[in-house]
Amino acid sequence: DLTVYVRDSGASSDGKELYFRFEEIHIQRGYTLEEMKRLI
């Protein structure tokens, strides 16, 4: 579960820095060498 905050190149009306926030979900599966050999 990835949450990233990236600074905006612009600024707000009061001069404060702005950040974009976005989220992504990545799913991976762990394999063993024996499983890979079998699939190969």
PDB file of all heavy atoms in Angstrom:
ATOM      1  N   ASP A   1       0.872  -1.175   0.000  1.00  0.00           N
ATOM      2  CA  ASP A   1       0.000   0.000   0.000  1.00  0.00           C
ATOM      3  C   ASP A   1       0.907   1.222   0.000  1.00  0.00           C
ATOM      4  O   ASP A   1       1.600   1.508   0.981  1.00  0.00           O
ATOM      5  CB  ASP A   1      -0.911   0.000   1.230  1.00  0.00           C
ATOM      6  CG  ASP A   1      -1.980  -1.069   1.145  1.00  0.00           C
ATOM      7  OD1 ASP A   1      -2.018  -1.788   0.136  1.00  0.00           O
ATOM      8  OD2 ASP A   1      -2.759  -1.218   2.099  1.00  0.00           O
ATOM      9  N   LEU A   2       0.909   1.933  -1.107  1.00  0.00           N
ATOM     10  CA  LEU A   2       1.847   3.024  -1.322  1.00  0.00           C
ATOM     11  C   LEU A   2       1.128   4.367  -1.273  1.00  0.00           C
ATOM     12  O   LEU A   2       0.146   4.583  -1.989  1.00  0.00           O
ATOM     13  CB  LEU A   2       2.534   2.850  -2.683  1.00  0.00           C
ATOM     14  CG  LEU A   2       3.536   3.914  -3.116  1.00  0.00           C
ATOM     15  CD1 LEU A   2       4.766   3.888  -2.204  1.00  0.00           C
ATOM     16  CD2 LEU A   2       3.953   3.682  -4.563  1.00  0.00           C
ATOM     17  N   THR A   3       1.609   5.253  -0.422  1.00  0.00           N
ATOM     18  CA  THR A   3       1.105   6.622  -0.347  1.00  0.00           C
ATOM     19  C   THR A   3       2.263   7.569  -0.646  1.00  0.00           C
ATOM     20  O   THR A   3       3.320   7.481  -0.002  1.00  0.00           O
ATOM     21  CB  THR A   3       0.532   6.943   1.043  1.00  0.00           C
ATOM     22  OG1 THR A   3      -0.485   5.983   1.367  1.00  0.00           O
ATOM     23  CG2 THR A   3      -0.068   8.333   1.079  1.00  0.00           C
ATOM     24  N   VAL A   4       2.075   8.451  -1.615  1.00  0.00           N
ATOM     25  CA  VAL A   4       3.143   9.358  -2.055  1.00  0.00           C
ATOM     26  C   VAL A   4       2.648  10.793  -1.974  1.00  0.00           C
ATOM     27  O   VAL A   4       1.513  11.100  -2.357  1.00  0.00           O
ATOM     28  CB  VAL A   4       3.597   9.030  -3.499  1.00  0.00           C
ATOM     29  CG1 VAL A   4       4.692   9.997  -3.947  1.00  0.00           C
ATOM     30  CG2 VAL A   4       4.091   7.596  -3.593  1.00  0.00           C
ATOM     31  N   TYR A   5       3.516  11.650  -1.486  1.00  0.00           N
ATOM     32  CA  TYR A   5       3.267  13.088  -1.455  1.00  0.00           C
ATOM     33  C   TYR A   5       4.313  13.762  -2.347  1.00  0.00           C
ATOM     34  O   TYR A   5       5.516  13.601  -2.122  1.00  0.00           O
ATOM     35  CB  TYR A   5       3.380  13.634  -0.030  1.00  0.00           C
ATOM     36  CG  TYR A   5       2.385  13.043   0.934  1.00  0.00           C
ATOM     37  CD1 TYR A   5       2.663  11.849   1.608  1.00  0.00           C
ATOM     38  CD2 TYR A   5       1.171  13.666   1.188  1.00  0.00           C
ATOM     39  CE1 TYR A   5       1.755  11.301   2.496  1.00  0.00           C
ATOM     40  CE2 TYR A   5       0.254  13.128   2.071  1.00  0.00           C
ATOM     41  CZ  TYR A   5       0.555  11.940   2.725  1.00  0.00           C
ATOM     42  OH  TYR A   5      -0.348  11.390   3.603  1.00  0.00           O
ATOM     43  N   VAL A   6       3.865  14.501  -3.351  1.00  0.00           N
ATOM     44  CA  VAL A   6       4.763  15.132  -4.307  1.00  0.00           C
ATOM     45  C   VAL A   6       4.560  16.643  -4.258  1.00  0.00           C
ATOM     46  O   VAL A   6       3.430  17.128  -4.352  1.00  0.00           O
ATOM     47  CB  VAL A   6       4.505  14.631  -5.743  1.00  0.00           C
ATOM     48  CG1 VAL A   6       5.514  15.246  -6.713  1.00  0.00           C
ATOM     49  CG2 VAL A   6       4.570  13.110  -5.800  1.00  0.00           C
ATOM     50  N   ARG A   7       5.661  17.383  -4.126  1.00  0.00           N
ATOM     51  CA  ARG A   7       5.567  18.830  -4.036  1.00  0.00           C
ATOM     52  C   ARG A   7       5.138  19.437  -5.366  1.00  0.00           C
ATOM     53  O   ARG A   7       5.676  19.098  -6.416  1.00  0.00           O
ATOM     54  CB  ARG A   7       6.907  19.427  -3.604  1.00  0.00           C
ATOM     55  CG  ARG A   7       6.840  20.932  -3.341  1.00  0.00           C
ATOM     56  CD  ARG A   7       8.058  21.467  -2.640  1.00  0.00           C
ATOM     57  NE  ARG A   7       9.253  21.337  -3.454  1.00  0.00           N
ATOM     58  CZ  ARG A   7      10.455  21.756  -3.072  1.00  0.00           C
ATOM     59  NH1 ARG A   7      10.604  22.299  -1.866  1.00  0.00           N
ATOM     60  NH2 ARG A   7      11.496  21.614  -3.865  1.00  0.00           N
ATOM     61  N   ASP A   8       4.170  20.340  -5.299  1.00  0.00           N
ATOM     62  CA  ASP A   8       3.703  21.060  -6.484  1.00  0.00           C
ATOM     63  C   ASP A   8       4.724  22.153  -6.819  1.00  0.00           C
ATOM     64  O   ASP A   8       5.279  22.794  -5.921  1.00  0.00           O
ATOM     65  CB  ASP A   8       2.341  21.673  -6.183  1.00  0.00           C
ATOM     66  CG  ASP A   8       1.707  22.325  -7.407  1.00  0.00           C
ATOM     67  OD1 ASP A   8       2.308  22.262  -8.495  1.00  0.00           O
ATOM     68  OD2 ASP A   8       0.630  22.909  -7.253  1.00  0.00           O
ATOM     69  N   SER A   9       4.969  22.337  -8.099  1.00  0.00           N
ATOM     70  CA  SER A   9       5.924  23.357  -8.520  1.00  0.00           C
ATOM     71  C   SER A   9       5.406  24.763  -8.266  1.00  0.00           C
ATOM     72  O   SER A   9       6.168  25.726  -8.205  1.00  0.00           O
ATOM     73  CB  SER A   9       6.262  23.203 -10.006  1.00  0.00           C
ATOM     74  OG  SER A   9       5.085  23.268 -10.791  1.00  0.00           O
ATOM     75  N   GLY A  10       4.086  24.879  -8.116  1.00  0.00           N
ATOM     76  CA  GLY A  10       3.496  26.179  -7.824  1.00  0.00           C
ATOM     77  C   GLY A  10       3.379  26.406  -6.323  1.00  0.00           C
ATOM     78  O   GLY A  10       3.978  25.708  -5.512  1.00  0.00           O
ATOM     79  N   ALA A  11       2.599  27.378  -5.950  1.00  0.00           N
ATOM     80  CA  ALA A  11       2.407  27.688  -4.530  1.00  0.00           C
ATOM     81  C   ALA A  11       0.982  28.170  -4.324  1.00  0.00           C
ATOM     82  O   ALA A  11       0.305  28.620  -5.251  1.00  0.00           O
ATOM     83  CB  ALA A  11       3.392  28.755  -4.066  1.00  0.00           C
ATOM     84  N   SER A  12       0.527  28.085  -3.100  1.00  0.00           N
ATOM     85  CA  SER A  12      -0.821  28.552  -2.784  1.00  0.00           C
ATOM     86  C   SER A  12      -0.845  30.072  -2.734  1.00  0.00           C
ATOM     87  O   SER A  12       0.190  30.743  -2.798  1.00  0.00           O
ATOM     88  CB  SER A  12      -1.258  27.967  -1.440  1.00  0.00           C
ATOM     89  OG  SER A  12      -0.443  28.480  -0.399  1.00  0.00           O
ATOM     90  N   SER A  13      -2.028  30.622  -2.605  1.00  0.00           N
ATOM     91  CA  SER A  13      -2.180  32.077  -2.595  1.00  0.00           C
ATOM     92  C   SER A  13      -1.472  32.729  -1.415  1.00  0.00           C
ATOM     93  O   SER A  13      -1.063  33.889  -1.478  1.00  0.00           O
ATOM     94  CB  SER A  13      -3.663  32.445  -2.572  1.00  0.00           C
ATOM     95  OG  SER A  13      -4.300  31.872  -1.439  1.00  0.00           O
ATOM     96  N   ASP A  14      -1.290  31.976  -0.324  1.00  0.00           N
ATOM     97  CA  ASP A  14      -0.607  32.545   0.843  1.00  0.00           C
ATOM     98  C   ASP A  14       0.885  32.212   0.852  1.00  0.00           C
ATOM     99  O   ASP A  14       1.571  32.446   1.849  1.00  0.00           O
ATOM    100  CB  ASP A  14      -1.267  32.068   2.143  1.00  0.00           C
ATOM    101  CG  ASP A  14      -1.268  30.550   2.267  1.00  0.00           C
ATOM    102  OD1 ASP A  14      -0.699  29.866   1.387  1.00  0.00           O
ATOM    103  OD2 ASP A  14      -1.839  30.049   3.244  1.00  0.00           O
ATOM    104  N   GLY A  15       1.380  31.652  -0.268  1.00  0.00           N
ATOM    105  CA  GLY A  15       2.812  31.397  -0.383  1.00  0.00           C
ATOM    106  C   GLY A  15       3.282  30.085   0.201  1.00  0.00           C
ATOM    107  O   GLY A  15       4.477  29.765   0.147  1.00  0.00           O
ATOM    108  N   LYS A  16       2.380  29.297   0.757  1.00  0.00           N
ATOM    109  CA  LYS A  16       2.770  28.023   1.341  1.00  0.00           C
ATOM    110  C   LYS A  16       2.944  26.960   0.253  1.00  0.00           C
ATOM    111  O   LYS A  16       2.303  27.025  -0.791  1.00  0.00           O
ATOM    112  CB  LYS A  16       1.719  27.564   2.353  1.00  0.00           C
ATOM    113  CG  LYS A  16       1.624  28.441   3.585  1.00  0.00           C
ATOM    114  CD  LYS A  16       0.606  27.886   4.566  1.00  0.00           C
ATOM    115  CE  LYS A  16       0.515  28.749   5.805  1.00  0.00           C
ATOM    116  NZ  LYS A  16      -0.479  28.218   6.783  1.00  0.00           N
ATOM    117  N   GLU A  17       3.824  25.984   0.520  1.00  0.00           N
ATOM    118  CA  GLU A  17       4.049  24.906  -0.440  1.00  0.00           C
ATOM    119  C   GLU A  17       2.840  23.980  -0.487  1.00  0.00           C
ATOM    120  O   GLU A  17       2.193  23.723   0.541  1.00  0.00           O
ATOM    121  CB  GLU A  17       5.300  24.105  -0.072  1.00  0.00           C
ATOM    122  CG  GLU A  17       6.598  24.877  -0.257  1.00  0.00           C
ATOM    123  CD  GLU A  17       7.809  24.019   0.053  1.00  0.00           C
ATOM    124  OE1 GLU A  17       7.666  23.062   0.849  1.00  0.00           O
ATOM    125  OE2 GLU A  17       8.880  24.295  -0.505  1.00  0.00           O
ATOM    126  N   LEU A  18       2.554  23.487  -1.690  1.00  0.00           N
ATOM    127  CA  LEU A  18       1.455  22.547  -1.883  1.00  0.00           C
ATOM    128  C   LEU A  18       2.004  21.181  -2.280  1.00  0.00           C
ATOM    129  O   LEU A  18       3.034  21.089  -2.960  1.00  0.00           O
ATOM    130  CB  LEU A  18       0.514  23.060  -2.976  1.00  0.00           C
ATOM    131  CG  LEU A  18      -0.197  24.383  -2.711  1.00  0.00           C
ATOM    132  CD1 LEU A  18      -1.023  24.775  -3.928  1.00  0.00           C
ATOM    133  CD2 LEU A  18      -1.076  24.290  -1.467  1.00  0.00           C
ATOM    134  N   TYR A  19       1.317  20.127  -1.862  1.00  0.00           N
ATOM    135  CA  TYR A  19       1.717  18.768  -2.193  1.00  0.00           C
ATOM    136  C   TYR A  19       0.526  18.004  -2.759  1.00  0.00           C
ATOM    137  O   TYR A  19      -0.595  18.150  -2.285  1.00  0.00           O
ATOM    138  CB  TYR A  19       2.249  18.035  -0.952  1.00  0.00           C
ATOM    139  CG  TYR A  19       3.632  18.478  -0.523  1.00  0.00           C
ATOM    140  CD1 TYR A  19       3.803  19.644   0.215  1.00  0.00           C
ATOM    141  CD2 TYR A  19       4.758  17.745  -0.856  1.00  0.00           C
ATOM    142  CE1 TYR A  19       5.054  20.070   0.613  1.00  0.00           C
ATOM    143  CE2 TYR A  19       6.023  18.154  -0.457  1.00  0.00           C
ATOM    144  CZ  TYR A  19       6.161  19.313   0.273  1.00  0.00           C
ATOM    145  OH  TYR A  19       7.416  19.731   0.647  1.00  0.00           O
ATOM    146  N   PHE A  20       0.807  17.205  -3.794  1.00  0.00           N
ATOM    147  CA  PHE A  20      -0.190  16.272  -4.295  1.00  0.00           C
ATOM    148  C   PHE A  20      -0.043  14.963  -3.523  1.00  0.00           C
ATOM    149  O   PHE A  20       1.071  14.512  -3.258  1.00  0.00           O
ATOM    150  CB  PHE A  20       0.025  16.004  -5.787  1.00  0.00           C
ATOM    151  CG  PHE A  20      -0.228  17.191  -6.664  1.00  0.00           C
ATOM    152  CD1 PHE A  20       0.827  17.860  -7.262  1.00  0.00           C
ATOM    153  CD2 PHE A  20      -1.515  17.634  -6.906  1.00  0.00           C
ATOM    154  CE1 PHE A  20       0.600  18.955  -8.077  1.00  0.00           C
ATOM    155  CE2 PHE A  20      -1.752  18.727  -7.721  1.00  0.00           C
ATOM    156  CZ  PHE A  20      -0.683  19.383  -8.311  1.00  0.00           C
ATOM    157  N   ARG A  21      -1.158  14.347  -3.192  1.00  0.00           N
ATOM    158  CA  ARG A  21      -1.145  13.056  -2.510  1.00  0.00           C
ATOM    159  C   ARG A  21      -1.852  12.034  -3.382  1.00  0.00           C
ATOM    160  O   ARG A  21      -2.932  12.294  -3.892  1.00  0.00           O
ATOM    161  CB  ARG A  21      -1.850  13.146  -1.166  1.00  0.00           C
ATOM    162  CG  ARG A  21      -1.972  11.834  -0.395  1.00  0.00           C
ATOM    163  CD  ARG A  21      -2.730  12.082   0.915  1.00  0.00           C
ATOM    164  NE  ARG A  21      -2.819  10.896   1.737  1.00  0.00           N
ATOM    165  CZ  ARG A  21      -3.782   9.994   1.669  1.00  0.00           C
ATOM    166  NH1 ARG A  21      -4.754  10.148   0.755  1.00  0.00           N
ATOM    167  NH2 ARG A  21      -3.797   8.946   2.464  1.00  0.00           N
ATOM    168  N   PHE A  22      -1.225  10.873  -3.582  1.00  0.00           N
ATOM    169  CA  PHE A  22      -1.912   9.805  -4.304  1.00  0.00           C
ATOM    170  C   PHE A  22      -1.563   8.459  -3.690  1.00  0.00           C
ATOM    171  O   PHE A  22      -0.555   8.318  -2.998  1.00  0.00           O
ATOM    172  CB  PHE A  22      -1.572   9.823  -5.803  1.00  0.00           C
ATOM    173  CG  PHE A  22      -0.125   9.602  -6.140  1.00  0.00           C
ATOM    174  CD1 PHE A  22       0.392   8.317  -6.259  1.00  0.00           C
ATOM    175  CD2 PHE A  22       0.725  10.673  -6.348  1.00  0.00           C
ATOM    176  CE1 PHE A  22       1.725   8.107  -6.580  1.00  0.00           C
ATOM    177  CE2 PHE A  22       2.067  10.474  -6.676  1.00  0.00           C
ATOM    178  CZ  PHE A  22       2.556   9.191  -6.792  1.00  0.00           C
ATOM    179  N   GLU A  23      -2.420   7.497  -3.936  1.00  0.00           N
ATOM    180  CA  GLU A  23      -2.253   6.159  -3.374  1.00  0.00           C
ATOM    181  C   GLU A  23      -2.303   5.122  -4.484  1.00  0.00           C
ATOM    182  O   GLU A  23      -3.022   5.291  -5.478  1.00  0.00           O
ATOM    183  CB  GLU A  23      -3.357   5.852  -2.355  1.00  0.00           C
ATOM    184  CG  GLU A  23      -3.361   6.757  -1.141  1.00  0.00           C
ATOM    185  CD  GLU A  23      -4.504   6.427  -0.203  1.00  0.00           C
ATOM    186  OE1 GLU A  23      -5.450   5.740  -0.649  1.00  0.00           O
ATOM    187  OE2 GLU A  23      -4.456   6.841   0.966  1.00  0.00           O
ATOM    188  N   GLU A  24      -1.540   4.065  -4.326  1.00  0.00           N
ATOM    189  CA  GLU A  24      -1.592   2.915  -5.227  1.00  0.00           C
ATOM    190  C   GLU A  24      -1.438   1.645  -4.406  1.00  0.00           C
ATOM    191  O   GLU A  24      -0.818   1.654  -3.341  1.00  0.00           O
ATOM    192  CB  GLU A  24      -0.477   2.974  -6.286  1.00  0.00           C
ATOM    193  CG  GLU A  24      -0.692   4.022  -7.346  1.00  0.00           C
ATOM    194  CD  GLU A  24       0.332   3.929  -8.470  1.00  0.00           C
ATOM    195  OE1 GLU A  24       1.136   2.971  -8.493  1.00  0.00           O
ATOM    196  OE2 GLU A  24       0.317   4.814  -9.336  1.00  0.00           O
ATOM    197  N   ILE A  25      -2.012   0.572  -4.928  1.00  0.00           N
ATOM    198  CA  ILE A  25      -1.845  -0.745  -4.309  1.00  0.00           C
ATOM    199  C   ILE A  25      -1.148  -1.657  -5.314  1.00  0.00           C
ATOM    200  O   ILE A  25      -1.598  -1.779  -6.459  1.00  0.00           O
ATOM    201  CB  ILE A  25      -3.198  -1.351  -3.891  1.00  0.00           C
ATOM    202  CG1 ILE A  25      -3.836  -0.493  -2.789  1.00  0.00           C
ATOM    203  CG2 ILE A  25      -3.012  -2.786  -3.410  1.00  0.00           C
ATOM    204  CD1 ILE A  25      -5.235  -0.951  -2.399  1.00  0.00           C
ATOM    205  N   HIS A  26      -0.051  -2.255  -4.902  1.00  0.00           N
ATOM    206  CA  HIS A  26       0.688  -3.196  -5.740  1.00  0.00           C
ATOM    207  C   HIS A  26       0.646  -4.564  -5.073  1.00  0.00           C
ATOM    208  O   HIS A  26       0.833  -4.660  -3.854  1.00  0.00           O
ATOM    209  CB  HIS A  26       2.150  -2.762  -5.891  1.00  0.00           C
ATOM    210  CG  HIS A  26       2.338  -1.473  -6.614  1.00  0.00           C
ATOM    211  ND1 HIS A  26       3.082  -1.361  -7.763  1.00  0.00           N
ATOM    212  CD2 HIS A  26       1.871  -0.218  -6.364  1.00  0.00           C
ATOM    213  CE1 HIS A  26       3.075  -0.116  -8.180  1.00  0.00           C
ATOM    214  NE2 HIS A  26       2.347   0.599  -7.341  1.00  0.00           N
ATOM    215  N   ILE A  27       0.408  -5.604  -5.850  1.00  0.00           N
ATOM    216  CA  ILE A  27       0.389  -6.963  -5.318  1.00  0.00           C
ATOM    217  C   ILE A  27       1.371  -7.816  -6.101  1.00  0.00           C
ATOM    218  O   ILE A  27       1.353  -7.831  -7.335  1.00  0.00           O
ATOM    219  CB  ILE A  27      -1.024  -7.577  -5.386  1.00  0.00           C
ATOM    220  CG1 ILE A  27      -2.007  -6.735  -4.565  1.00  0.00           C
ATOM    221  CG2 ILE A  27      -1.002  -9.018  -4.873  1.00  0.00           C
ATOM    222  CD1 ILE A  27      -3.445  -7.228  -4.640  1.00  0.00           C
ATOM    223  N   GLN A  28       2.233  -8.502  -5.370  1.00  0.00           N
ATOM    224  CA  GLN A  28       3.203  -9.409  -5.968  1.00  0.00           C
ATOM    225  C   GLN A  28       3.133 -10.761  -5.261  1.00  0.00           C
ATOM    226  O   GLN A  28       2.707 -10.847  -4.111  1.00  0.00           O
ATOM    227  CB  GLN A  28       4.621  -8.855  -5.870  1.00  0.00           C
ATOM    228  CG  GLN A  28       4.875  -7.614  -6.695  1.00  0.00           C
ATOM    229  CD  GLN A  28       6.329  -7.172  -6.644  1.00  0.00           C
ATOM    230  OE1 GLN A  28       6.976  -7.221  -5.605  1.00  0.00           O
ATOM    231  NE2 GLN A  28       6.845  -6.737  -7.786  1.00  0.00           N
ATOM    232  N   ARG A  29       3.582 -11.773  -5.966  1.00  0.00           N
ATOM    233  CA  ARG A  29       3.629 -13.113  -5.377  1.00  0.00           C
ATOM    234  C   ARG A  29       5.074 -13.561  -5.262  1.00  0.00           C
ATOM    235  O   ARG A  29       5.867 -13.398  -6.188  1.00  0.00           O
ATOM    236  CB  ARG A  29       2.853 -14.107  -6.236  1.00  0.00           C
ATOM    237  CG  ARG A  29       2.966 -15.564  -5.748  1.00  0.00           C
ATOM    238  CD  ARG A  29       2.222 -16.514  -6.647  1.00  0.00           C
ATOM    239  NE  ARG A  29       2.570 -17.904  -6.368  1.00  0.00           N
ATOM    240  CZ  ARG A  29       2.192 -18.936  -7.102  1.00  0.00           C
ATOM    241  NH1 ARG A  29       1.434 -18.746  -8.177  1.00  0.00           N
ATOM    242  NH2 ARG A  29       2.557 -20.168  -6.796  1.00  0.00           N
ATOM    243  N   GLY A  30       5.419 -14.118  -4.129  1.00  0.00           N
ATOM    244  CA  GLY A  30       6.744 -14.676  -3.942  1.00  0.00           C
ATOM    245  C   GLY A  30       6.810 -16.093  -4.487  1.00  0.00           C
ATOM    246  O   GLY A  30       5.891 -16.890  -4.275  1.00  0.00           O
ATOM    247  N   TYR A  31       7.885 -16.396  -5.193  1.00  0.00           N
ATOM    248  CA  TYR A  31       8.075 -17.724  -5.770  1.00  0.00           C
ATOM    249  C   TYR A  31       9.337 -18.376  -5.207  1.00  0.00           C
ATOM    250  O   TYR A  31      10.253 -17.691  -4.744  1.00  0.00           O
ATOM    251  CB  TYR A  31       8.188 -17.644  -7.300  1.00  0.00           C
ATOM    252  CG  TYR A  31       6.894 -17.302  -7.992  1.00  0.00           C
ATOM    253  CD1 TYR A  31       6.572 -15.990  -8.303  1.00  0.00           C
ATOM    254  CD2 TYR A  31       5.977 -18.302  -8.325  1.00  0.00           C
ATOM    255  CE1 TYR A  31       5.379 -15.670  -8.932  1.00  0.00           C
ATOM    256  CE2 TYR A  31       4.777 -17.992  -8.949  1.00  0.00           C
ATOM    257  CZ  TYR A  31       4.484 -16.676  -9.252  1.00  0.00           C
ATOM    258  OH  TYR A  31       3.298 -16.368  -9.872  1.00  0.00           O
ATOM    259  N   THR A  32       9.366 -19.684  -5.271  1.00  0.00           N
ATOM    260  CA  THR A  32      10.581 -20.422  -4.938  1.00  0.00           C
ATOM    261  C   THR A  32      11.281 -20.810  -6.237  1.00  0.00           C
ATOM    262  O   THR A  32      10.671 -20.833  -7.316  1.00  0.00           O
ATOM    263  CB  THR A  32      10.263 -21.696  -4.142  1.00  0.00           C
ATOM    264  OG1 THR A  32       9.529 -22.610  -4.982  1.00  0.00           O
ATOM    265  CG2 THR A  32       9.439 -21.366  -2.897  1.00  0.00           C
ATOM    266  N   LEU A  33      12.550 -21.139  -6.120  1.00  0.00           N
ATOM    267  CA  LEU A  33      13.300 -21.552  -7.310  1.00  0.00           C
ATOM    268  C   LEU A  33      12.714 -22.828  -7.892  1.00  0.00           C
ATOM    269  O   LEU A  33      12.646 -22.981  -9.128  1.00  0.00           O
ATOM    270  CB  LEU A  33      14.778 -21.758  -6.954  1.00  0.00           C
ATOM    271  CG  LEU A  33      15.685 -22.208  -8.105  1.00  0.00           C
ATOM    272  CD1 LEU A  33      15.611 -21.262  -9.289  1.00  0.00           C
ATOM    273  CD2 LEU A  33      17.121 -22.363  -7.613  1.00  0.00           C
ATOM    274  N   GLU A  34      12.282 -23.745  -7.053  1.00  0.00           N
ATOM    275  CA  GLU A  34      11.699 -24.988  -7.564  1.00  0.00           C
ATOM    276  C   GLU A  34      10.433 -24.724  -8.359  1.00  0.00           C
ATOM    277  O   GLU A  34      10.183 -25.379  -9.380  1.00  0.00           O
ATOM    278  CB  GLU A  34      11.419 -25.957  -6.396  1.00  0.00           C
ATOM    279  CG  GLU A  34      12.676 -26.507  -5.741  1.00  0.00           C
ATOM    280  CD  GLU A  34      13.641 -27.119  -6.760  1.00  0.00           C
ATOM    281  OE1 GLU A  34      13.173 -27.912  -7.608  1.00  0.00           O
ATOM    282  OE2 GLU A  34      14.834 -26.790  -6.706  1.00  0.00           O
ATOM    283  N   GLU A  35       9.622 -23.778  -7.910  1.00  0.00           N
ATOM    284  CA  GLU A  35       8.421 -23.421  -8.669  1.00  0.00           C
ATOM    285  C   GLU A  35       8.802 -22.854 -10.030  1.00  0.00           C
ATOM    286  O   GLU A  35       8.181 -23.188 -11.055  1.00  0.00           O
ATOM    287  CB  GLU A  35       7.600 -22.401  -7.880  1.00  0.00           C
ATOM    288  CG  GLU A  35       6.876 -22.988  -6.678  1.00  0.00           C
ATOM    289  CD  GLU A  35       6.199 -21.927  -5.838  1.00  0.00           C
ATOM    290  OE1 GLU A  35       6.755 -20.820  -5.687  1.00  0.00           O
ATOM    291  OE2 GLU A  35       5.087 -22.213  -5.326  1.00  0.00           O
ATOM    292  N   MET A  36       9.816 -22.007 -10.071  1.00  0.00           N
ATOM    293  CA  MET A  36      10.244 -21.434 -11.339  1.00  0.00           C
ATOM    294  C   MET A  36      10.809 -22.503 -12.276  1.00  0.00           C
ATOM    295  O   MET A  36      10.526 -22.490 -13.482  1.00  0.00           O
ATOM    296  CB  MET A  36      11.294 -20.343 -11.100  1.00  0.00           C
ATOM    297  CG  MET A  36      10.714 -19.044 -10.592  1.00  0.00           C
ATOM    298  SD  MET A  36       9.552 -18.313 -11.799  1.00  0.00           S
ATOM    299  CE  MET A  36       9.201 -16.752 -10.997  1.00  0.00           C
ATOM    300  N   LYS A  37      11.573 -23.419 -11.755  1.00  0.00           N
ATOM    301  CA  LYS A  37      12.114 -24.504 -12.583  1.00  0.00           C
ATOM    302  C   LYS A  37      10.986 -25.314 -13.209  1.00  0.00           C
ATOM    303  O   LYS A  37      11.037 -25.684 -14.389  1.00  0.00           O
ATOM    304  CB  LYS A  37      13.013 -25.424 -11.740  1.00  0.00           C
ATOM    305  CG  LYS A  37      14.363 -24.840 -11.385  1.00  0.00           C
ATOM    306  CD  LYS A  37      15.172 -25.865 -10.576  1.00  0.00           C
ATOM    307  CE  LYS A  37      16.557 -25.386 -10.259  1.00  0.00           C
ATOM    308  NZ  LYS A  37      17.333 -26.386  -9.474  1.00  0.00           N
ATOM    309  N   ARG A  38       9.962 -25.606 -12.407  1.00  0.00           N
ATOM    310  CA  ARG A  38       8.831 -26.390 -12.904  1.00  0.00           C
ATOM    311  C   ARG A  38       8.099 -25.649 -14.017  1.00  0.00           C
ATOM    312  O   ARG A  38       7.743 -26.238 -15.047  1.00  0.00           O
ATOM    313  CB  ARG A  38       7.881 -26.697 -11.741  1.00  0.00           C
ATOM    314  CG  ARG A  38       6.566 -27.353 -12.163  1.00  0.00           C
ATOM    315  CD  ARG A  38       5.724 -27.734 -10.962  1.00  0.00           C
ATOM    316  NE  ARG A  38       5.470 -26.632 -10.075  1.00  0.00           N
ATOM    317  CZ  ARG A  38       4.544 -25.700 -10.279  1.00  0.00           C
ATOM    318  NH1 ARG A  38       3.779 -25.740 -11.361  1.00  0.00           N
ATOM    319  NH2 ARG A  38       4.356 -24.723  -9.390  1.00  0.00           N
ATOM    320  N   LEU A  39       7.909 -24.347 -13.835  1.00  0.00           N
ATOM    321  CA  LEU A  39       7.199 -23.557 -14.835  1.00  0.00           C
ATOM    322  C   LEU A  39       8.031 -23.372 -16.103  1.00  0.00           C
ATOM    323  O   LEU A  39       7.497 -23.368 -17.216  1.00  0.00           O
ATOM    324  CB  LEU A  39       6.820 -22.198 -14.241  1.00  0.00           C
ATOM    325  CG  LEU A  39       5.711 -22.256 -13.185  1.00  0.00           C
ATOM    326  CD1 LEU A  39       5.685 -20.995 -12.336  1.00  0.00           C
ATOM    327  CD2 LEU A  39       4.355 -22.477 -13.851  1.00  0.00           C
ATOM    328  N   ILE A  40       9.316 -23.240 -15.955  1.00  0.00           N
ATOM    329  CA  ILE A  40      10.216 -23.139 -17.115  1.00  0.00           C
ATOM    330  C   ILE A  40      10.121 -24.413 -17.953  1.00  0.00           C
ATOM    331  O   ILE A  40       9.951 -24.370 -19.176  1.00  0.00           O
ATOM    332  CB  ILE A  40      11.666 -22.887 -16.652  1.00  0.00           C
ATOM    333  CG1 ILE A  40      11.825 -21.448 -16.147  1.00  0.00           C
ATOM    334  CG2 ILE A  40      12.658 -23.162 -17.777  1.00  0.00           C
ATOM    335  CD1 ILE A  40      13.143 -21.188 -15.442  1.00  0.00           C
TER     336      ILE A  40
END
